[in-house]
């Protein structure tokens, strides 16, 4: 195997595939991150004091989520706002009331993650925001204790500016209507498909397994055929269920006490009555 083929195989199995197809989509996402960080820094500089930072480092990670994967639940407005602001609050509280730096950092991150999960606003860069007031200038040059004004400048102004810029760029300029709960508007049926029926486009060569097939055999068949789901049929060929890849990871072992179902009677035969 040549080095080029080996490198291509490694990239295919290890590297993360980009959400946007083609160079144009990737370049637009990178350009959106650049513009958002630059404009946020300029706008925050207007309200920040001379000795106050104009950006928090976690805004860089938030920019990646907002513009590179805008359809992710982590990129929605409430996770972004709530995750950043609540994490900043936990960080300021830990920095002010816990003297030990290591313990304060641990409490800031842990409480921020717990609060984000409870309020359903999980945003991973928020954990970095929680560390910012705790670490300050580091152990070599300890900074004064942060006050709650840190929530307004720079965090509050950063969050507000980044959110407005993300809405403008994603929805007005790039027309990305990605949301966790809604679909893009005005999705019409493709031309030429209005008169078709499901029977005209369905797949007829269906790969299936019987209900008594061993799990390892079904798994190998799905791997070989590159299937995401596998219909399960009885001995008459009638579909009685499906098996998906998620089922293999969700149920690695059968629950205790579960018995293999008995085979259904063949057509035309009646099951004998139970003995009393």
Protein backbone atom coordinates (compact mmCIF):
# COMPACT_ATOMS: atom_id res chain seq x y z
CA UNK A 1 0.00 0.00 0.00
CA UNK A 2 1.38 3.39 -0.97
CA UNK A 3 1.85 6.23 1.48
CA UNK A 4 -0.92 8.22 -0.23
CA UNK A 5 -3.44 5.38 0.16
CA UNK A 6 -2.42 4.78 3.77
CA UNK A 7 -2.77 8.47 4.59
CA UNK A 8 -6.16 8.63 2.85
CA UNK A 9 -7.39 5.60 4.82
CA UNK A 10 -6.17 7.08 8.10
CA UNK A 11 -7.89 10.40 7.43
CA UNK A 12 -11.12 8.62 6.51
CA UNK A 13 -11.28 6.62 9.75
CA UNK A 14 -9.68 9.01 12.25
CA UNK A 15 -10.19 12.59 11.12
CA UNK A 16 -13.48 14.43 11.61
CA UNK A 17 -15.46 15.07 8.45
CA UNK A 18 -16.39 18.68 7.84
CA UNK A 19 -20.07 19.59 8.14
CA UNK A 20 -19.93 21.80 5.04
CA UNK A 21 -19.26 20.11 1.72
CA UNK A 22 -16.60 21.64 -0.49
CA UNK A 23 -14.04 24.36 -0.02
CA UNK A 24 -16.58 27.16 -0.36
CA UNK A 25 -18.59 26.12 2.70
CA UNK A 26 -15.46 25.62 4.79
CA UNK A 27 -14.03 28.99 3.77
CA UNK A 28 -17.32 30.73 4.54
CA UNK A 29 -17.39 29.21 8.03
CA UNK A 30 -13.81 30.31 8.69
CA UNK A 31 -14.49 33.80 7.34
CA UNK A 32 -17.60 34.07 9.52
CA UNK A 33 -15.54 33.18 12.61
CA UNK A 34 -12.94 35.80 11.67
CA UNK A 35 -15.51 38.56 11.18
CA UNK A 36 -17.44 37.66 14.33
CA UNK A 37 -14.39 37.74 16.61
CA UNK A 38 -13.07 40.95 15.06
CA UNK A 39 -16.39 42.81 15.30
CA UNK A 40 -17.05 41.54 18.83
CA UNK A 41 -13.66 42.79 19.98
CA UNK A 42 -14.22 46.20 18.38
CA UNK A 43 -17.68 46.62 19.90
CA UNK A 44 -16.58 45.46 23.35
CA UNK A 45 -13.67 47.92 23.32
CA UNK A 46 -16.21 50.76 23.36
CA UNK A 47 -17.64 49.70 26.73
CA UNK A 48 -14.60 48.09 28.37
CA UNK A 49 -12.32 49.96 30.74
CA UNK A 50 -8.66 50.50 29.91
CA UNK A 51 -7.43 47.63 32.08
CA UNK A 52 -10.33 45.30 31.22
CA UNK A 53 -10.03 42.55 28.58
CA UNK A 54 -12.11 43.00 25.45
CA UNK A 55 -12.52 39.27 24.74
CA UNK A 56 -12.71 36.09 26.75
CA UNK A 57 -10.90 33.11 25.28
CA UNK A 58 -13.99 30.90 25.20
CA UNK A 59 -15.53 33.13 22.51
CA UNK A 60 -13.19 31.49 20.02
CA UNK A 61 -14.65 28.06 20.82
CA UNK A 62 -18.18 29.49 20.69
CA UNK A 63 -17.46 30.93 17.25
CA UNK A 64 -16.55 27.46 15.97
CA UNK A 65 -19.86 26.05 17.23
CA UNK A 66 -21.97 28.97 16.01
CA UNK A 67 -20.55 29.14 12.48
CA UNK A 68 -19.03 25.73 11.73
CA UNK A 69 -21.91 23.60 13.10
CA UNK A 70 -24.88 26.00 13.26
CA UNK A 71 -27.39 23.14 13.19
CA UNK A 72 -26.10 21.69 16.46
CA UNK A 73 -28.28 22.02 19.58
CA UNK A 74 -25.23 23.57 21.25
CA UNK A 75 -25.34 26.46 18.76
CA UNK A 76 -28.88 27.60 19.53
CA UNK A 77 -29.45 31.00 21.23
CA UNK A 78 -30.47 29.75 24.68
CA UNK A 79 -27.55 27.30 25.14
CA UNK A 80 -25.13 30.00 23.99
CA UNK A 81 -26.51 32.78 26.21
CA UNK A 82 -27.33 30.66 29.25
CA UNK A 83 -24.19 28.55 29.07
CA UNK A 84 -21.86 31.54 28.87
CA UNK A 85 -23.59 33.76 31.45
CA UNK A 86 -24.26 31.07 34.05
CA UNK A 87 -20.71 29.76 33.75
CA UNK A 88 -19.33 33.27 34.23
CA UNK A 89 -21.47 33.65 37.36
CA UNK A 90 -20.17 30.37 38.82
CA UNK A 91 -16.61 31.38 38.01
CA UNK A 92 -16.88 34.75 39.74
CA UNK A 93 -18.46 33.18 42.84
CA UNK A 94 -15.75 30.51 43.05
CA UNK A 95 -12.96 33.06 42.58
CA UNK A 96 -14.30 35.35 45.29
CA UNK A 97 -15.28 32.86 47.97
CA UNK A 98 -12.85 29.93 47.55
CA UNK A 99 -9.24 30.92 48.38
CA UNK A 100 -7.51 27.83 46.96
CA UNK A 101 -7.04 28.18 43.18
CA UNK A 102 -7.22 24.46 42.37
CA UNK A 103 -10.37 23.93 44.39
CA UNK A 104 -11.95 27.12 43.03
CA UNK A 105 -11.28 26.04 39.45
CA UNK A 106 -12.77 22.60 40.05
CA UNK A 107 -15.86 24.01 41.75
CA UNK A 108 -16.35 26.61 39.02
CA UNK A 109 -16.31 24.07 36.19
CA UNK A 110 -18.31 21.43 38.05
CA UNK A 111 -21.05 23.80 39.17
CA UNK A 112 -21.22 25.42 35.72
CA UNK A 113 -21.70 22.06 33.99
CA UNK A 114 -24.33 21.01 36.53
CA UNK A 115 -26.25 24.25 36.15
CA UNK A 116 -26.11 24.13 32.35
CA UNK A 117 -27.45 20.59 32.33
CA UNK A 118 -30.24 21.36 34.77
CA UNK A 119 -31.38 24.43 32.81
CA UNK A 120 -30.90 22.71 29.43
CA UNK A 121 -28.40 25.24 28.12
CA UNK A 122 -25.30 23.08 27.69
CA UNK A 123 -22.58 24.99 25.85
CA UNK A 124 -19.08 23.46 26.22
CA UNK A 125 -17.14 26.75 25.89
CA UNK A 126 -18.96 27.90 29.03
CA UNK A 127 -16.65 25.71 31.12
CA UNK A 128 -13.70 27.78 29.87
CA UNK A 129 -15.61 30.96 30.77
CA UNK A 130 -16.00 29.64 34.31
CA UNK A 131 -12.22 29.25 34.59
CA UNK A 132 -11.42 32.77 33.35
CA UNK A 133 -12.18 34.69 36.59
CA UNK A 134 -10.59 31.97 38.74
CA UNK A 135 -7.24 31.84 36.96
CA UNK A 136 -6.99 35.56 36.23
CA UNK A 137 -3.37 36.36 35.54
CA UNK A 138 -2.11 32.98 36.75
CA UNK A 139 -0.04 32.10 39.80
CA UNK A 140 2.97 34.09 38.59
CA UNK A 141 1.07 37.36 38.45
CA UNK A 142 -2.12 36.99 40.53
CA UNK A 143 -4.89 39.34 39.49
CA UNK A 144 -7.23 41.11 41.92
CA UNK A 145 -10.46 39.34 42.80
CA UNK A 146 -13.02 39.78 40.01
CA UNK A 147 -16.28 41.51 40.81
CA UNK A 148 -19.69 40.80 39.36
CA UNK A 149 -19.11 43.49 36.74
CA UNK A 150 -17.24 40.73 34.88
CA UNK A 151 -20.68 39.41 33.93
CA UNK A 152 -21.43 42.62 32.03
CA UNK A 153 -18.03 43.49 30.58
CA UNK A 154 -16.57 41.59 28.86
CA UNK A 155 -18.84 38.51 29.09
CA UNK A 156 -22.23 40.14 28.62
CA UNK A 157 -21.12 42.42 25.80
CA UNK A 158 -19.24 39.56 24.10
CA UNK A 159 -22.28 37.29 24.24
CA UNK A 160 -24.68 39.96 22.97
CA UNK A 161 -22.43 41.01 20.10
CA UNK A 162 -21.62 37.45 19.09
CA UNK A 163 -25.29 36.46 19.12
CA UNK A 164 -26.36 39.39 16.94
CA UNK A 165 -23.52 38.78 14.49
CA UNK A 166 -24.33 35.05 14.33
CA UNK A 167 -27.98 35.74 13.54
CA UNK A 168 -27.04 38.25 10.86
CA UNK A 169 -24.43 36.08 9.19
CA UNK A 170 -26.16 32.70 9.43
CA UNK A 171 -29.73 33.69 8.65
CA UNK A 172 -29.49 36.82 6.51
CA UNK A 173 -26.21 36.55 4.61
CA UNK A 174 -25.58 32.81 4.34
CA UNK A 175 -29.26 31.75 4.58
CA UNK A 176 -28.59 29.00 7.09
CA UNK A 177 -31.93 28.21 8.66
CA UNK A 178 -30.61 25.47 10.88
CA UNK A 179 -32.39 24.91 14.15
CA UNK A 180 -32.77 22.13 16.65
CA UNK A 181 -36.57 22.00 16.32
CA UNK A 182 -37.53 23.66 13.02
CA UNK A 183 -36.94 22.88 9.37
CA UNK A 184 -35.79 25.29 6.64
CA UNK A 185 -38.75 27.18 5.17
CA UNK A 186 -40.16 26.80 1.67
CA UNK A 187 -39.02 23.24 1.06
CA UNK A 188 -41.03 22.20 -1.99
CA UNK A 189 -41.18 18.74 -3.54
CA UNK A 190 -38.39 18.40 -6.15
CA UNK A 191 -39.48 18.86 -9.74
CA UNK A 192 -40.72 15.69 -11.40
CA UNK A 193 -41.57 13.88 -8.13
CA UNK A 194 -45.06 15.26 -7.52
CA UNK A 195 -46.72 12.54 -9.62
CA UNK A 196 -44.61 9.65 -8.30
CA UNK A 197 -45.74 7.11 -5.73
CA UNK A 198 -43.74 5.48 -2.99
CA UNK A 199 -43.83 2.24 -4.97
CA UNK A 200 -41.94 3.99 -7.77
CA UNK A 201 -38.95 4.97 -5.63
CA UNK A 202 -38.88 2.34 -2.90
CA UNK A 203 -36.12 -0.22 -2.60
CA UNK A 204 -37.21 -3.78 -3.40
CA UNK A 205 -34.08 -5.83 -2.66
CA UNK A 206 -34.56 -5.68 1.11
CA UNK A 207 -32.05 -7.47 3.32
CA UNK A 208 -33.72 -8.99 6.37
CA UNK A 209 -33.14 -11.55 9.11
CA UNK A 210 -35.41 -13.94 10.98
CA UNK A 211 -36.24 -13.25 14.60
CA UNK A 212 -34.21 -16.29 15.74
CA UNK A 213 -31.00 -15.09 14.02
CA UNK A 214 -28.12 -14.59 16.42
CA UNK A 215 -27.12 -11.01 17.17
CA UNK A 216 -23.55 -11.48 15.98
CA UNK A 217 -24.80 -12.75 12.61
CA UNK A 218 -27.10 -9.75 12.20
CA UNK A 219 -24.27 -7.40 13.14
CA UNK A 220 -21.93 -8.92 10.57
CA UNK A 221 -24.63 -8.65 7.91
CA UNK A 222 -25.20 -4.96 8.70
CA UNK A 223 -21.45 -4.33 8.54
CA UNK A 224 -21.11 -6.17 5.24
CA UNK A 225 -24.10 -4.47 3.60
CA UNK A 226 -23.39 -1.09 5.25
CA UNK A 227 -26.91 -0.88 6.67
CA UNK A 228 -28.16 1.34 9.46
CA UNK A 229 -31.20 -0.83 10.18
CA UNK A 230 -32.27 -4.37 9.52
CA UNK A 231 -35.88 -5.63 9.24
CA UNK A 232 -36.75 -8.66 11.37
CA UNK A 233 -39.27 -11.13 9.90
CA UNK A 234 -41.05 -14.24 11.15
CA UNK A 235 -41.09 -17.62 9.39
CA UNK A 236 -43.88 -16.39 7.10
CA UNK A 237 -41.82 -13.43 5.87
CA UNK A 238 -43.94 -10.86 7.70
CA UNK A 239 -42.00 -7.96 9.21
CA UNK A 240 -42.37 -7.93 12.99
CA UNK A 241 -39.74 -5.34 13.89
CA UNK A 242 -36.41 -3.71 13.05
CA UNK A 243 -32.92 -3.70 14.52
CA UNK A 244 -30.80 -0.55 14.32
CA UNK A 245 -27.17 0.12 15.12
CA UNK A 246 -28.29 1.97 18.22
CA UNK A 247 -29.93 -1.22 19.52
CA UNK A 248 -26.61 -3.06 19.51
CA UNK A 249 -24.96 -0.42 21.71
CA UNK A 250 -28.04 0.09 23.89
CA UNK A 251 -28.53 -3.62 24.60
CA UNK A 252 -25.09 -5.28 24.56
CA UNK A 253 -26.53 -8.23 26.55
CA UNK A 254 -30.09 -9.54 26.83
CA UNK A 255 -31.85 -8.64 30.08
CA UNK A 256 -31.90 -11.45 32.67
CA UNK A 257 -34.96 -13.63 32.49
CA UNK A 258 -35.76 -12.82 28.86
CA UNK A 259 -36.58 -15.96 26.92
CA UNK A 260 -36.37 -16.54 23.20
CA UNK A 261 -39.88 -16.16 21.73
CA UNK A 262 -41.50 -19.27 20.46
CA UNK A 263 -42.03 -19.68 16.75
CA UNK A 264 -45.47 -18.58 15.59
CA UNK A 265 -47.71 -21.34 14.17
CA UNK A 266 -47.58 -21.94 10.46
CA UNK A 267 -50.45 -20.64 8.35
CA UNK A 268 -53.39 -23.05 8.22
CA UNK A 269 -52.55 -24.79 11.51
CA UNK A 270 -54.34 -24.11 14.76
CA UNK A 271 -52.54 -24.04 18.07
CA UNK A 272 -53.78 -26.86 20.37
CA UNK A 273 -55.70 -25.66 23.44
CA UNK A 274 -53.75 -25.54 26.68
CA UNK A 275 -54.09 -28.48 29.04
CA UNK A 276 -56.08 -27.84 32.19
